[in-house]
PDB file of all heavy atoms in Angstrom:
ATOM      1  N   PHE A   1     -45.493  39.680 -15.255  1.00  0.00           N
ATOM      2  CA  PHE A   1     -45.210  38.634 -14.273  1.00  0.00           C
ATOM      3  C   PHE A   1     -44.254  37.560 -14.802  1.00  0.00           C
ATOM      4  O   PHE A   1     -43.493  36.970 -14.040  1.00  0.00           O
ATOM      5  CB  PHE A   1     -46.518  37.979 -13.799  1.00  0.00           C
ATOM      6  CG  PHE A   1     -47.206  37.162 -14.862  1.00  0.00           C
ATOM      7  CD1 PHE A   1     -46.968  35.801 -14.975  1.00  0.00           C
ATOM      8  CD2 PHE A   1     -48.105  37.758 -15.748  1.00  0.00           C
ATOM      9  CE1 PHE A   1     -47.609  35.042 -15.944  1.00  0.00           C
ATOM     10  CE2 PHE A   1     -48.744  37.000 -16.721  1.00  0.00           C
ATOM     11  CZ  PHE A   1     -48.491  35.640 -16.828  1.00  0.00           C
ATOM     12  N   ASP A   2     -44.263  37.320 -16.123  1.00  0.00           N
ATOM     13  CA  ASP A   2     -43.369  36.321 -16.701  1.00  0.00           C
ATOM     14  C   ASP A   2     -42.315  36.965 -17.611  1.00  0.00           C
ATOM     15  O   ASP A   2     -41.744  36.318 -18.478  1.00  0.00           O
ATOM     16  CB  ASP A   2     -44.156  35.277 -17.494  1.00  0.00           C
ATOM     17  CG  ASP A   2     -44.965  35.897 -18.630  1.00  0.00           C
ATOM     18  OD1 ASP A   2     -45.013  37.152 -18.724  1.00  0.00           O
ATOM     19  OD2 ASP A   2     -45.551  35.133 -19.424  1.00  0.00           O
ATOM     20  N   GLY A   3     -42.074  38.256 -17.405  1.00  0.00           N
ATOM     21  CA  GLY A   3     -41.180  38.996 -18.293  1.00  0.00           C
ATOM     22  C   GLY A   3     -39.724  38.999 -17.850  1.00  0.00           C
ATOM     23  O   GLY A   3     -39.342  38.387 -16.846  1.00  0.00           O
ATOM     24  N   THR A   4     -38.919  39.704 -18.644  1.00  0.00           N
ATOM     25  CA  THR A   4     -37.500  39.872 -18.372  1.00  0.00           C
ATOM     26  C   THR A   4     -37.126  41.332 -18.564  1.00  0.00           C
ATOM     27  O   THR A   4     -37.425  41.926 -19.599  1.00  0.00           O
ATOM     28  CB  THR A   4     -36.642  39.017 -19.330  1.00  0.00           C
ATOM     29  OG1 THR A   4     -36.939  37.640 -19.115  1.00  0.00           O
ATOM     30  CG2 THR A   4     -35.158  39.255 -19.084  1.00  0.00           C
ATOM     31  N   CYS A   5     -36.476  41.904 -17.553  1.00  0.00           N
ATOM     32  CA  CYS A   5     -35.980  43.274 -17.656  1.00  0.00           C
ATOM     33  C   CYS A   5     -34.604  43.327 -17.008  1.00  0.00           C
ATOM     34  O   CYS A   5     -34.475  43.084 -15.815  1.00  0.00           O
ATOM     35  CB  CYS A   5     -36.931  44.260 -16.981  1.00  0.00           C
ATOM     36  SG  CYS A   5     -36.292  45.956 -16.937  1.00  0.00           S
ATOM     37  N   ARG A   6     -33.589  43.641 -17.823  1.00  0.00           N
ATOM     38  CA  ARG A   6     -32.232  43.745 -17.302  1.00  0.00           C
ATOM     39  C   ARG A   6     -31.668  45.120 -17.640  1.00  0.00           C
ATOM     40  O   ARG A   6     -31.634  45.514 -18.809  1.00  0.00           O
ATOM     41  CB  ARG A   6     -31.335  42.640 -17.870  1.00  0.00           C
ATOM     42  CG  ARG A   6     -31.753  41.249 -17.439  1.00  0.00           C
ATOM     43  CD  ARG A   6     -30.589  40.262 -17.493  1.00  0.00           C
ATOM     44  NE  ARG A   6     -30.029  40.107 -18.809  1.00  0.00           N
ATOM     45  CZ  ARG A   6     -30.465  39.216 -19.709  1.00  0.00           C
ATOM     46  NH1 ARG A   6     -31.488  38.417 -19.429  1.00  0.00           N
ATOM     47  NH2 ARG A   6     -29.894  39.121 -20.902  1.00  0.00           N
ATOM     48  N   ILE A   7     -31.234  45.826 -16.618  1.00  0.00           N
ATOM     49  CA  ILE A   7     -30.640  47.154 -16.769  1.00  0.00           C
ATOM     50  C   ILE A   7     -29.210  47.074 -16.251  1.00  0.00           C
ATOM     51  O   ILE A   7     -28.986  46.722 -15.095  1.00  0.00           O
ATOM     52  CB  ILE A   7     -31.445  48.217 -16.009  1.00  0.00           C
ATOM     53  CG1 ILE A   7     -32.883  48.281 -16.561  1.00  0.00           C
ATOM     54  CG2 ILE A   7     -30.773  49.575 -16.102  1.00  0.00           C
ATOM     55  CD1 ILE A   7     -33.787  49.234 -15.803  1.00  0.00           C
ATOM     56  N   GLY A   8     -28.241  47.378 -17.103  1.00  0.00           N
ATOM     57  CA  GLY A   8     -26.838  47.172 -16.784  1.00  0.00           C
ATOM     58  C   GLY A   8     -26.244  48.218 -15.855  1.00  0.00           C
ATOM     59  O   GLY A   8     -26.936  49.091 -15.321  1.00  0.00           O
ATOM     60  N   ASP A   9     -24.930  48.155 -15.693  1.00  0.00           N
ATOM     61  CA  ASP A   9     -24.199  49.087 -14.839  1.00  0.00           C
ATOM     62  C   ASP A   9     -24.136  50.482 -15.474  1.00  0.00           C
ATOM     63  O   ASP A   9     -24.068  50.626 -16.700  1.00  0.00           O
ATOM     64  CB  ASP A   9     -22.765  48.604 -14.620  1.00  0.00           C
ATOM     65  CG  ASP A   9     -22.691  47.252 -13.927  1.00  0.00           C
ATOM     66  OD1 ASP A   9     -23.659  46.890 -13.214  1.00  0.00           O
ATOM     67  OD2 ASP A   9     -21.673  46.552 -14.087  1.00  0.00           O
ATOM     68  N   HIS A  10     -24.137  51.505 -14.625  1.00  0.00           N
ATOM     69  CA  HIS A  10     -23.937  52.903 -15.044  1.00  0.00           C
ATOM     70  C   HIS A  10     -24.951  53.348 -16.098  1.00  0.00           C
ATOM     71  O   HIS A  10     -24.615  54.090 -17.024  1.00  0.00           O
ATOM     72  CB  HIS A  10     -22.513  53.098 -15.574  1.00  0.00           C
ATOM     73  CG  HIS A  10     -21.452  52.822 -14.564  1.00  0.00           C
ATOM     74  ND1 HIS A  10     -21.036  53.745 -13.626  1.00  0.00           N
ATOM     75  CD2 HIS A  10     -20.730  51.698 -14.328  1.00  0.00           C
ATOM     76  CE1 HIS A  10     -20.088  53.209 -12.868  1.00  0.00           C
ATOM     77  NE2 HIS A  10     -19.892  51.970 -13.266  1.00  0.00           N
ATOM     78  N   VAL A  11     -26.179  52.906 -15.954  1.00  0.00           N
ATOM     79  CA  VAL A  11     -27.254  53.344 -16.853  1.00  0.00           C
ATOM     80  C   VAL A  11     -27.938  54.567 -16.255  1.00  0.00           C
ATOM     81  O   VAL A  11     -28.338  54.552 -15.088  1.00  0.00           O
ATOM     82  CB  VAL A  11     -28.270  52.214 -17.100  1.00  0.00           C
ATOM     83  CG1 VAL A  11     -29.495  52.742 -17.845  1.00  0.00           C
ATOM     84  CG2 VAL A  11     -27.630  51.075 -17.884  1.00  0.00           C
ATOM     85  N   TRP A  12     -28.074  55.608 -17.057  1.00  0.00           N
ATOM     86  CA  TRP A  12     -28.740  56.849 -16.619  1.00  0.00           C
ATOM     87  C   TRP A  12     -30.045  56.990 -17.370  1.00  0.00           C
ATOM     88  O   TRP A  12     -30.064  57.010 -18.609  1.00  0.00           O
ATOM     89  CB  TRP A  12     -27.857  58.060 -16.887  1.00  0.00           C
ATOM     90  CG  TRP A  12     -28.389  59.342 -16.307  1.00  0.00           C
ATOM     91  CD1 TRP A  12     -28.129  59.858 -15.065  1.00  0.00           C
ATOM     92  CD2 TRP A  12     -29.270  60.290 -16.945  1.00  0.00           C
ATOM     93  NE1 TRP A  12     -28.793  61.055 -14.890  1.00  0.00           N
ATOM     94  CE2 TRP A  12     -29.504  61.347 -16.026  1.00  0.00           C
ATOM     95  CE3 TRP A  12     -29.884  60.331 -18.196  1.00  0.00           C
ATOM     96  CZ2 TRP A  12     -30.314  62.430 -16.325  1.00  0.00           C
ATOM     97  CZ3 TRP A  12     -30.708  61.418 -18.493  1.00  0.00           C
ATOM     98  CH2 TRP A  12     -30.906  62.460 -17.564  1.00  0.00           C
ATOM     99  N   ILE A  13     -31.144  57.091 -16.624  1.00  0.00           N
ATOM    100  CA  ILE A  13     -32.484  57.214 -17.195  1.00  0.00           C
ATOM    101  C   ILE A  13     -33.064  58.562 -16.781  1.00  0.00           C
ATOM    102  O   ILE A  13     -33.231  58.841 -15.587  1.00  0.00           O
ATOM    103  CB  ILE A  13     -33.385  56.058 -16.720  1.00  0.00           C
ATOM    104  CG1 ILE A  13     -32.853  54.723 -17.247  1.00  0.00           C
ATOM    105  CG2 ILE A  13     -34.826  56.288 -17.159  1.00  0.00           C
ATOM    106  CD1 ILE A  13     -33.528  53.507 -16.644  1.00  0.00           C
ATOM    107  N   GLY A  14     -33.377  59.392 -17.749  1.00  0.00           N
ATOM    108  CA  GLY A  14     -33.883  60.727 -17.463  1.00  0.00           C
ATOM    109  C   GLY A  14     -35.308  60.727 -16.947  1.00  0.00           C
ATOM    110  O   GLY A  14     -36.046  59.731 -17.079  1.00  0.00           O
ATOM    111  N   PRO A  15     -35.731  61.843 -16.359  1.00  0.00           N
ATOM    112  CA  PRO A  15     -37.095  61.949 -15.824  1.00  0.00           C
ATOM    113  C   PRO A  15     -38.157  61.747 -16.893  1.00  0.00           C
ATOM    114  O   PRO A  15     -37.931  61.968 -18.085  1.00  0.00           O
ATOM    115  CB  PRO A  15     -37.139  63.390 -15.283  1.00  0.00           C
ATOM    116  CG  PRO A  15     -35.712  63.779 -15.091  1.00  0.00           C
ATOM    117  CD  PRO A  15     -34.939  63.062 -16.148  1.00  0.00           C
ATOM    118  N   HIS A  16     -39.330  61.291 -16.455  1.00  0.00           N
ATOM    119  CA  HIS A  16     -40.521  61.150 -17.301  1.00  0.00           C
ATOM    120  C   HIS A  16     -40.329  60.131 -18.424  1.00  0.00           C
ATOM    121  O   HIS A  16     -40.978  60.223 -19.468  1.00  0.00           O
ATOM    122  CB  HIS A  16     -40.942  62.503 -17.885  1.00  0.00           C
ATOM    123  CG  HIS A  16     -41.256  63.536 -16.847  1.00  0.00           C
ATOM    124  ND1 HIS A  16     -42.446  63.558 -16.144  1.00  0.00           N
ATOM    125  CD2 HIS A  16     -40.513  64.576 -16.366  1.00  0.00           C
ATOM    126  CE1 HIS A  16     -42.429  64.564 -15.289  1.00  0.00           C
ATOM    127  NE2 HIS A  16     -41.269  65.193 -15.391  1.00  0.00           N
ATOM    128  N   SER A  17     -39.469  59.164 -18.213  1.00  0.00           N
ATOM    129  CA  SER A  17     -39.270  58.111 -19.207  1.00  0.00           C
ATOM    130  C   SER A  17     -40.281  56.993 -18.993  1.00  0.00           C
ATOM    131  O   SER A  17     -40.809  56.818 -17.901  1.00  0.00           O
ATOM    132  CB  SER A  17     -37.855  57.548 -19.102  1.00  0.00           C
ATOM    133  OG  SER A  17     -36.899  58.559 -19.347  1.00  0.00           O
ATOM    134  N   TYR A  18     -40.524  56.222 -20.069  1.00  0.00           N
ATOM    135  CA  TYR A  18     -41.442  55.086 -19.976  1.00  0.00           C
ATOM    136  C   TYR A  18     -40.807  53.853 -20.606  1.00  0.00           C
ATOM    137  O   TYR A  18     -40.244  53.924 -21.699  1.00  0.00           O
ATOM    138  CB  TYR A  18     -42.774  55.360 -20.673  1.00  0.00           C
ATOM    139  CG  TYR A  18     -43.650  54.131 -20.736  1.00  0.00           C
ATOM    140  CD1 TYR A  18     -44.370  53.716 -19.618  1.00  0.00           C
ATOM    141  CD2 TYR A  18     -43.725  53.349 -21.886  1.00  0.00           C
ATOM    142  CE1 TYR A  18     -45.155  52.568 -19.654  1.00  0.00           C
ATOM    143  CE2 TYR A  18     -44.502  52.201 -21.936  1.00  0.00           C
ATOM    144  CZ  TYR A  18     -45.212  51.818 -20.804  1.00  0.00           C
ATOM    145  OH  TYR A  18     -45.964  50.673 -20.831  1.00  0.00           O
ATOM    146  N   PHE A  19     -40.928  52.722 -19.900  1.00  0.00           N
ATOM    147  CA  PHE A  19     -40.371  51.470 -20.398  1.00  0.00           C
ATOM    148  C   PHE A  19     -41.436  50.380 -20.384  1.00  0.00           C
ATOM    149  O   PHE A  19     -41.982  50.050 -19.331  1.00  0.00           O
ATOM    150  CB  PHE A  19     -39.199  51.014 -19.514  1.00  0.00           C
ATOM    151  CG  PHE A  19     -38.021  51.932 -19.563  1.00  0.00           C
ATOM    152  CD1 PHE A  19     -37.925  53.000 -18.685  1.00  0.00           C
ATOM    153  CD2 PHE A  19     -37.004  51.738 -20.482  1.00  0.00           C
ATOM    154  CE1 PHE A  19     -36.844  53.862 -18.732  1.00  0.00           C
ATOM    155  CE2 PHE A  19     -35.917  52.591 -20.535  1.00  0.00           C
ATOM    156  CZ  PHE A  19     -35.833  53.654 -19.655  1.00  0.00           C
ATOM    157  N   ASP A  20     -41.729  49.837 -21.564  1.00  0.00           N
ATOM    158  CA  ASP A  20     -42.458  48.585 -21.658  1.00  0.00           C
ATOM    159  C   ASP A  20     -41.392  47.511 -21.444  1.00  0.00           C
ATOM    160  O   ASP A  20     -40.653  47.158 -22.367  1.00  0.00           O
ATOM    161  CB  ASP A  20     -43.110  48.469 -23.032  1.00  0.00           C
ATOM    162  CG  ASP A  20     -43.873  47.174 -23.214  1.00  0.00           C
ATOM    163  OD1 ASP A  20     -43.628  46.213 -22.456  1.00  0.00           O
ATOM    164  OD2 ASP A  20     -44.695  47.098 -24.148  1.00  0.00           O
ATOM    165  N   ALA A  21     -41.304  47.019 -20.223  1.00  0.00           N
ATOM    166  CA  ALA A  21     -40.174  46.168 -19.816  1.00  0.00           C
ATOM    167  C   ALA A  21     -40.562  44.703 -19.737  1.00  0.00           C
ATOM    168  O   ALA A  21     -40.070  43.965 -18.887  1.00  0.00           O
ATOM    169  CB  ALA A  21     -39.627  46.653 -18.470  1.00  0.00           C
ATOM    170  N   ARG A  22     -41.421  44.273 -20.618  1.00  0.00           N
ATOM    171  CA  ARG A  22     -41.822  42.867 -20.622  1.00  0.00           C
ATOM    172  C   ARG A  22     -40.714  41.958 -21.173  1.00  0.00           C
ATOM    173  O   ARG A  22     -40.621  40.803 -20.810  1.00  0.00           O
ATOM    174  CB  ARG A  22     -43.108  42.696 -21.440  1.00  0.00           C
ATOM    175  CG  ARG A  22     -44.314  43.417 -20.826  1.00  0.00           C
ATOM    176  CD  ARG A  22     -45.498  43.377 -21.790  1.00  0.00           C
ATOM    177  NE  ARG A  22     -46.712  43.899 -21.187  1.00  0.00           N
ATOM    178  CZ  ARG A  22     -47.095  45.182 -21.251  1.00  0.00           C
ATOM    179  NH1 ARG A  22     -46.347  46.058 -21.890  1.00  0.00           N
ATOM    180  NH2 ARG A  22     -48.216  45.578 -20.689  1.00  0.00           N
ATOM    181  N   ASN A  23     -39.879  42.525 -22.073  1.00  0.00           N
ATOM    182  CA  ASN A  23     -38.733  41.778 -22.606  1.00  0.00           C
ATOM    183  C   ASN A  23     -37.697  42.810 -23.054  1.00  0.00           C
ATOM    184  O   ASN A  23     -37.590  43.121 -24.237  1.00  0.00           O
ATOM    185  CB  ASN A  23     -39.161  40.878 -23.761  1.00  0.00           C
ATOM    186  CG  ASN A  23     -38.112  39.825 -24.092  1.00  0.00           C
ATOM    187  OD1 ASN A  23     -36.954  39.952 -23.701  1.00  0.00           O
ATOM    188  ND2 ASN A  23     -38.512  38.794 -24.804  1.00  0.00           N
ATOM    189  N   LEU A  24     -36.947  43.320 -22.095  1.00  0.00           N
ATOM    190  CA  LEU A  24     -36.096  44.492 -22.325  1.00  0.00           C
ATOM    191  C   LEU A  24     -34.716  44.306 -21.726  1.00  0.00           C
ATOM    192  O   LEU A  24     -34.573  43.826 -20.600  1.00  0.00           O
ATOM    193  CB  LEU A  24     -36.763  45.730 -21.706  1.00  0.00           C
ATOM    194  CG  LEU A  24     -35.957  47.035 -21.723  1.00  0.00           C
ATOM    195  CD1 LEU A  24     -35.784  47.538 -23.157  1.00  0.00           C
ATOM    196  CD2 LEU A  24     -36.640  48.090 -20.862  1.00  0.00           C
ATOM    197  N   ILE A  25     -33.695  44.705 -22.506  1.00  0.00           N
ATOM    198  CA  ILE A  25     -32.321  44.733 -22.003  1.00  0.00           C
ATOM    199  C   ILE A  25     -31.711  46.088 -22.329  1.00  0.00           C
ATOM    200  O   ILE A  25     -31.686  46.511 -23.488  1.00  0.00           O
ATOM    201  CB  ILE A  25     -31.464  43.615 -22.623  1.00  0.00           C
ATOM    202  CG1 ILE A  25     -31.986  42.238 -22.225  1.00  0.00           C
ATOM    203  CG2 ILE A  25     -30.002  43.764 -22.188  1.00  0.00           C
ATOM    204  CD1 ILE A  25     -31.250  41.090 -22.877  1.00  0.00           C
ATOM    205  N   LEU A  26     -31.211  46.768 -21.293  1.00  0.00           N
ATOM    206  CA  LEU A  26     -30.396  47.967 -21.450  1.00  0.00           C
ATOM    207  C   LEU A  26     -28.992  47.595 -20.978  1.00  0.00           C
ATOM    208  O   LEU A  26     -28.788  47.308 -19.793  1.00  0.00           O
ATOM    209  CB  LEU A  26     -30.931  49.126 -20.602  1.00  0.00           C
ATOM    210  CG  LEU A  26     -31.990  50.046 -21.214  1.00  0.00           C
ATOM    211  CD1 LEU A  26     -33.231  49.282 -21.616  1.00  0.00           C
ATOM    212  CD2 LEU A  26     -32.346  51.164 -20.246  1.00  0.00           C
ATOM    213  N   GLU A  27     -28.036  47.563 -21.899  1.00  0.00           N
ATOM    214  CA  GLU A  27     -26.690  47.161 -21.534  1.00  0.00           C
ATOM    215  C   GLU A  27     -25.964  48.296 -20.800  1.00  0.00           C
ATOM    216  O   GLU A  27     -26.505  49.392 -20.629  1.00  0.00           O
ATOM    217  CB  GLU A  27     -25.928  46.709 -22.784  1.00  0.00           C
ATOM    218  CG  GLU A  27     -26.551  45.462 -23.424  1.00  0.00           C
ATOM    219  CD  GLU A  27     -25.786  44.953 -24.628  1.00  0.00           C
ATOM    220  OE1 GLU A  27     -24.824  45.620 -25.066  1.00  0.00           O
ATOM    221  OE2 GLU A  27     -26.161  43.878 -25.143  1.00  0.00           O
ATOM    222  N   ASP A  28     -24.742  48.032 -20.348  1.00  0.00           N
ATOM    223  CA  ASP A  28     -23.988  48.984 -19.524  1.00  0.00           C
ATOM    224  C   ASP A  28     -23.816  50.336 -20.236  1.00  0.00           C
ATOM    225  O   ASP A  28     -23.691  50.410 -21.458  1.00  0.00           O
ATOM    226  CB  ASP A  28     -22.602  48.428 -19.202  1.00  0.00           C
ATOM    227  CG  ASP A  28     -22.650  47.151 -18.377  1.00  0.00           C
ATOM    228  OD1 ASP A  28     -23.738  46.807 -17.871  1.00  0.00           O
ATOM    229  OD2 ASP A  28     -21.588  46.509 -18.243  1.00  0.00           O
ATOM    230  N   TYR A  29     -23.787  51.395 -19.430  1.00  0.00           N
ATOM    231  CA  TYR A  29     -23.481  52.759 -19.874  1.00  0.00           C
ATOM    232  C   TYR A  29     -24.462  53.304 -20.916  1.00  0.00           C
ATOM    233  O   TYR A  29     -24.094  54.132 -21.744  1.00  0.00           O
ATOM    234  CB  TYR A  29     -22.048  52.839 -20.402  1.00  0.00           C
ATOM    235  CG  TYR A  29     -21.008  52.783 -19.300  1.00  0.00           C
ATOM    236  CD1 TYR A  29     -20.401  51.587 -18.979  1.00  0.00           C
ATOM    237  CD2 TYR A  29     -20.651  53.928 -18.584  1.00  0.00           C
ATOM    238  CE1 TYR A  29     -19.457  51.509 -17.966  1.00  0.00           C
ATOM    239  CE2 TYR A  29     -19.709  53.872 -17.576  1.00  0.00           C
ATOM    240  CZ  TYR A  29     -19.112  52.655 -17.260  1.00  0.00           C
ATOM    241  OH  TYR A  29     -18.177  52.591 -16.249  1.00  0.00           O
ATOM    242  N   VAL A  30     -25.694  52.853 -20.871  1.00  0.00           N
ATOM    243  CA  VAL A  30     -26.724  53.442 -21.731  1.00  0.00           C
ATOM    244  C   VAL A  30     -27.179  54.770 -21.127  1.00  0.00           C
ATOM    245  O   VAL A  30     -27.408  54.872 -19.918  1.00  0.00           O
ATOM    246  CB  VAL A  30     -27.917  52.485 -21.898  1.00  0.00           C
ATOM    247  CG1 VAL A  30     -29.135  53.212 -22.483  1.00  0.00           C
ATOM    248  CG2 VAL A  30     -27.537  51.310 -22.788  1.00  0.00           C
ATOM    249  N   GLY A  31     -27.315  55.776 -21.970  1.00  0.00           N
ATOM    250  CA  GLY A  31     -27.906  57.044 -21.560  1.00  0.00           C
ATOM    251  C   GLY A  31     -29.288  57.183 -22.172  1.00  0.00           C
ATOM    252  O   GLY A  31     -29.454  57.003 -23.387  1.00  0.00           O
ATOM    253  N   TRP A  32     -30.266  57.465 -21.335  1.00  0.00           N
ATOM    254  CA  TRP A  32     -31.669  57.486 -21.777  1.00  0.00           C
ATOM    255  C   TRP A  32     -32.240  58.879 -21.512  1.00  0.00           C
ATOM    256  O   TRP A  32     -32.440  59.272 -20.375  1.00  0.00           O
ATOM    257  CB  TRP A  32     -32.461  56.425 -21.026  1.00  0.00           C
ATOM    258  CG  TRP A  32     -33.800  56.129 -21.617  1.00  0.00           C
ATOM    259  CD1 TRP A  32     -34.972  56.756 -21.316  1.00  0.00           C
ATOM    260  CD2 TRP A  32     -34.098  55.152 -22.620  1.00  0.00           C
ATOM    261  NE1 TRP A  32     -35.993  56.224 -22.070  1.00  0.00           N
ATOM    262  CE2 TRP A  32     -35.478  55.233 -22.880  1.00  0.00           C
ATOM    263  CE3 TRP A  32     -33.335  54.217 -23.314  1.00  0.00           C
ATOM    264  CZ2 TRP A  32     -36.108  54.417 -23.804  1.00  0.00           C
ATOM    265  CZ3 TRP A  32     -33.975  53.412 -24.235  1.00  0.00           C
ATOM    266  CH2 TRP A  32     -35.342  53.513 -24.475  1.00  0.00           C
ATOM    267  N   GLY A  33     -32.507  59.628 -22.566  1.00  0.00           N
ATOM    268  CA  GLY A  33     -32.942  61.008 -22.421  1.00  0.00           C
ATOM    269  C   GLY A  33     -34.301  61.164 -21.766  1.00  0.00           C
ATOM    270  O   GLY A  33     -35.149  60.263 -21.845  1.00  0.00           O
ATOM    271  N   PRO A  34     -34.548  62.312 -21.118  1.00  0.00           N
ATOM    272  CA  PRO A  34     -35.834  62.563 -20.475  1.00  0.00           C
ATOM    273  C   PRO A  34     -36.999  62.389 -21.441  1.00  0.00           C
ATOM    274  O   PRO A  34     -36.956  62.844 -22.587  1.00  0.00           O
ATOM    275  CB  PRO A  34     -35.718  64.025 -20.019  1.00  0.00           C
ATOM    276  CG  PRO A  34     -34.249  64.242 -19.847  1.00  0.00           C
ATOM    277  CD  PRO A  34     -33.602  63.426 -20.920  1.00  0.00           C
ATOM    278  N   GLY A  35     -38.021  61.685 -20.978  1.00  0.00           N
ATOM    279  CA  GLY A  35     -39.234  61.511 -21.769  1.00  0.00           C
ATOM    280  C   GLY A  35     -39.152  60.473 -22.870  1.00  0.00           C
ATOM    281  O   GLY A  35     -40.144  60.241 -23.564  1.00  0.00           O
ATOM    282  N   ALA A  36     -38.002  59.827 -23.036  1.00  0.00           N
ATOM    283  CA  ALA A  36     -37.888  58.801 -24.074  1.00  0.00           C
ATOM    284  C   ALA A  36     -38.685  57.561 -23.667  1.00  0.00           C
ATOM    285  O   ALA A  36     -38.893  57.297 -22.478  1.00  0.00           O
ATOM    286  CB  ALA A  36     -36.434  58.439 -24.317  1.00  0.00           C
ATOM    287  N   LYS A  37     -39.104  56.794 -24.667  1.00  0.00           N
ATOM    288  CA  LYS A  37     -39.991  55.651 -24.406  1.00  0.00           C
ATOM    289  C   LYS A  37     -39.544  54.431 -25.195  1.00  0.00           C
ATOM    290  O   LYS A  37     -38.991  54.562 -26.292  1.00  0.00           O
ATOM    291  CB  LYS A  37     -41.430  56.001 -24.797  1.00  0.00           C
ATOM    292  CG  LYS A  37     -41.996  57.212 -24.058  1.00  0.00           C
ATOM    293  CD  LYS A  37     -43.319  57.634 -24.656  1.00  0.00           C
ATOM    294  CE  LYS A  37     -43.895  58.831 -23.910  1.00  0.00           C
ATOM    295  NZ  LYS A  37     -43.020  60.032 -24.065  1.00  0.00           N
ATOM    296  N   VAL A  38     -39.794  53.273 -24.627  1.00  0.00           N
ATOM    297  CA  VAL A  38     -39.610  52.036 -25.369  1.00  0.00           C
ATOM    298  C   VAL A  38     -40.918  51.250 -25.302  1.00  0.00           C
ATOM    299  O   VAL A  38     -41.519  51.096 -24.244  1.00  0.00           O
ATOM    300  CB  VAL A  38     -38.433  51.198 -24.825  1.00  0.00           C
ATOM    301  CG1 VAL A  38     -38.608  50.852 -23.359  1.00  0.00           C
ATOM    302  CG2 VAL A  38     -38.257  49.921 -25.634  1.00  0.00           C
ATOM    303  N   LEU A  39     -41.375  50.795 -26.457  1.00  0.00           N
ATOM    304  CA  LEU A  39     -42.575  49.969 -26.543  1.00  0.00           C
ATOM    305  C   LEU A  39     -42.145  48.574 -26.961  1.00  0.00           C
ATOM    306  O   LEU A  39     -41.594  48.396 -28.056  1.00  0.00           O
ATOM    307  CB  LEU A  39     -43.561  50.555 -27.555  1.00  0.00           C
ATOM    308  CG  LEU A  39     -44.008  52.003 -27.282  1.00  0.00           C
ATOM    309  CD1 LEU A  39     -44.956  52.464 -28.375  1.00  0.00           C
ATOM    310  CD2 LEU A  39     -44.662  52.114 -25.919  1.00  0.00           C
TER     311      LEU A  39
END
């Protein structure tokens, strides 16, 4: 509820991915493979 999540332009996130997005930045043109995770 008090977090920050910013996902930039042209970001591709594969299926079955998981994001702990309480304080997360994905800058432009990031490629995120299927099933990858961020804690």
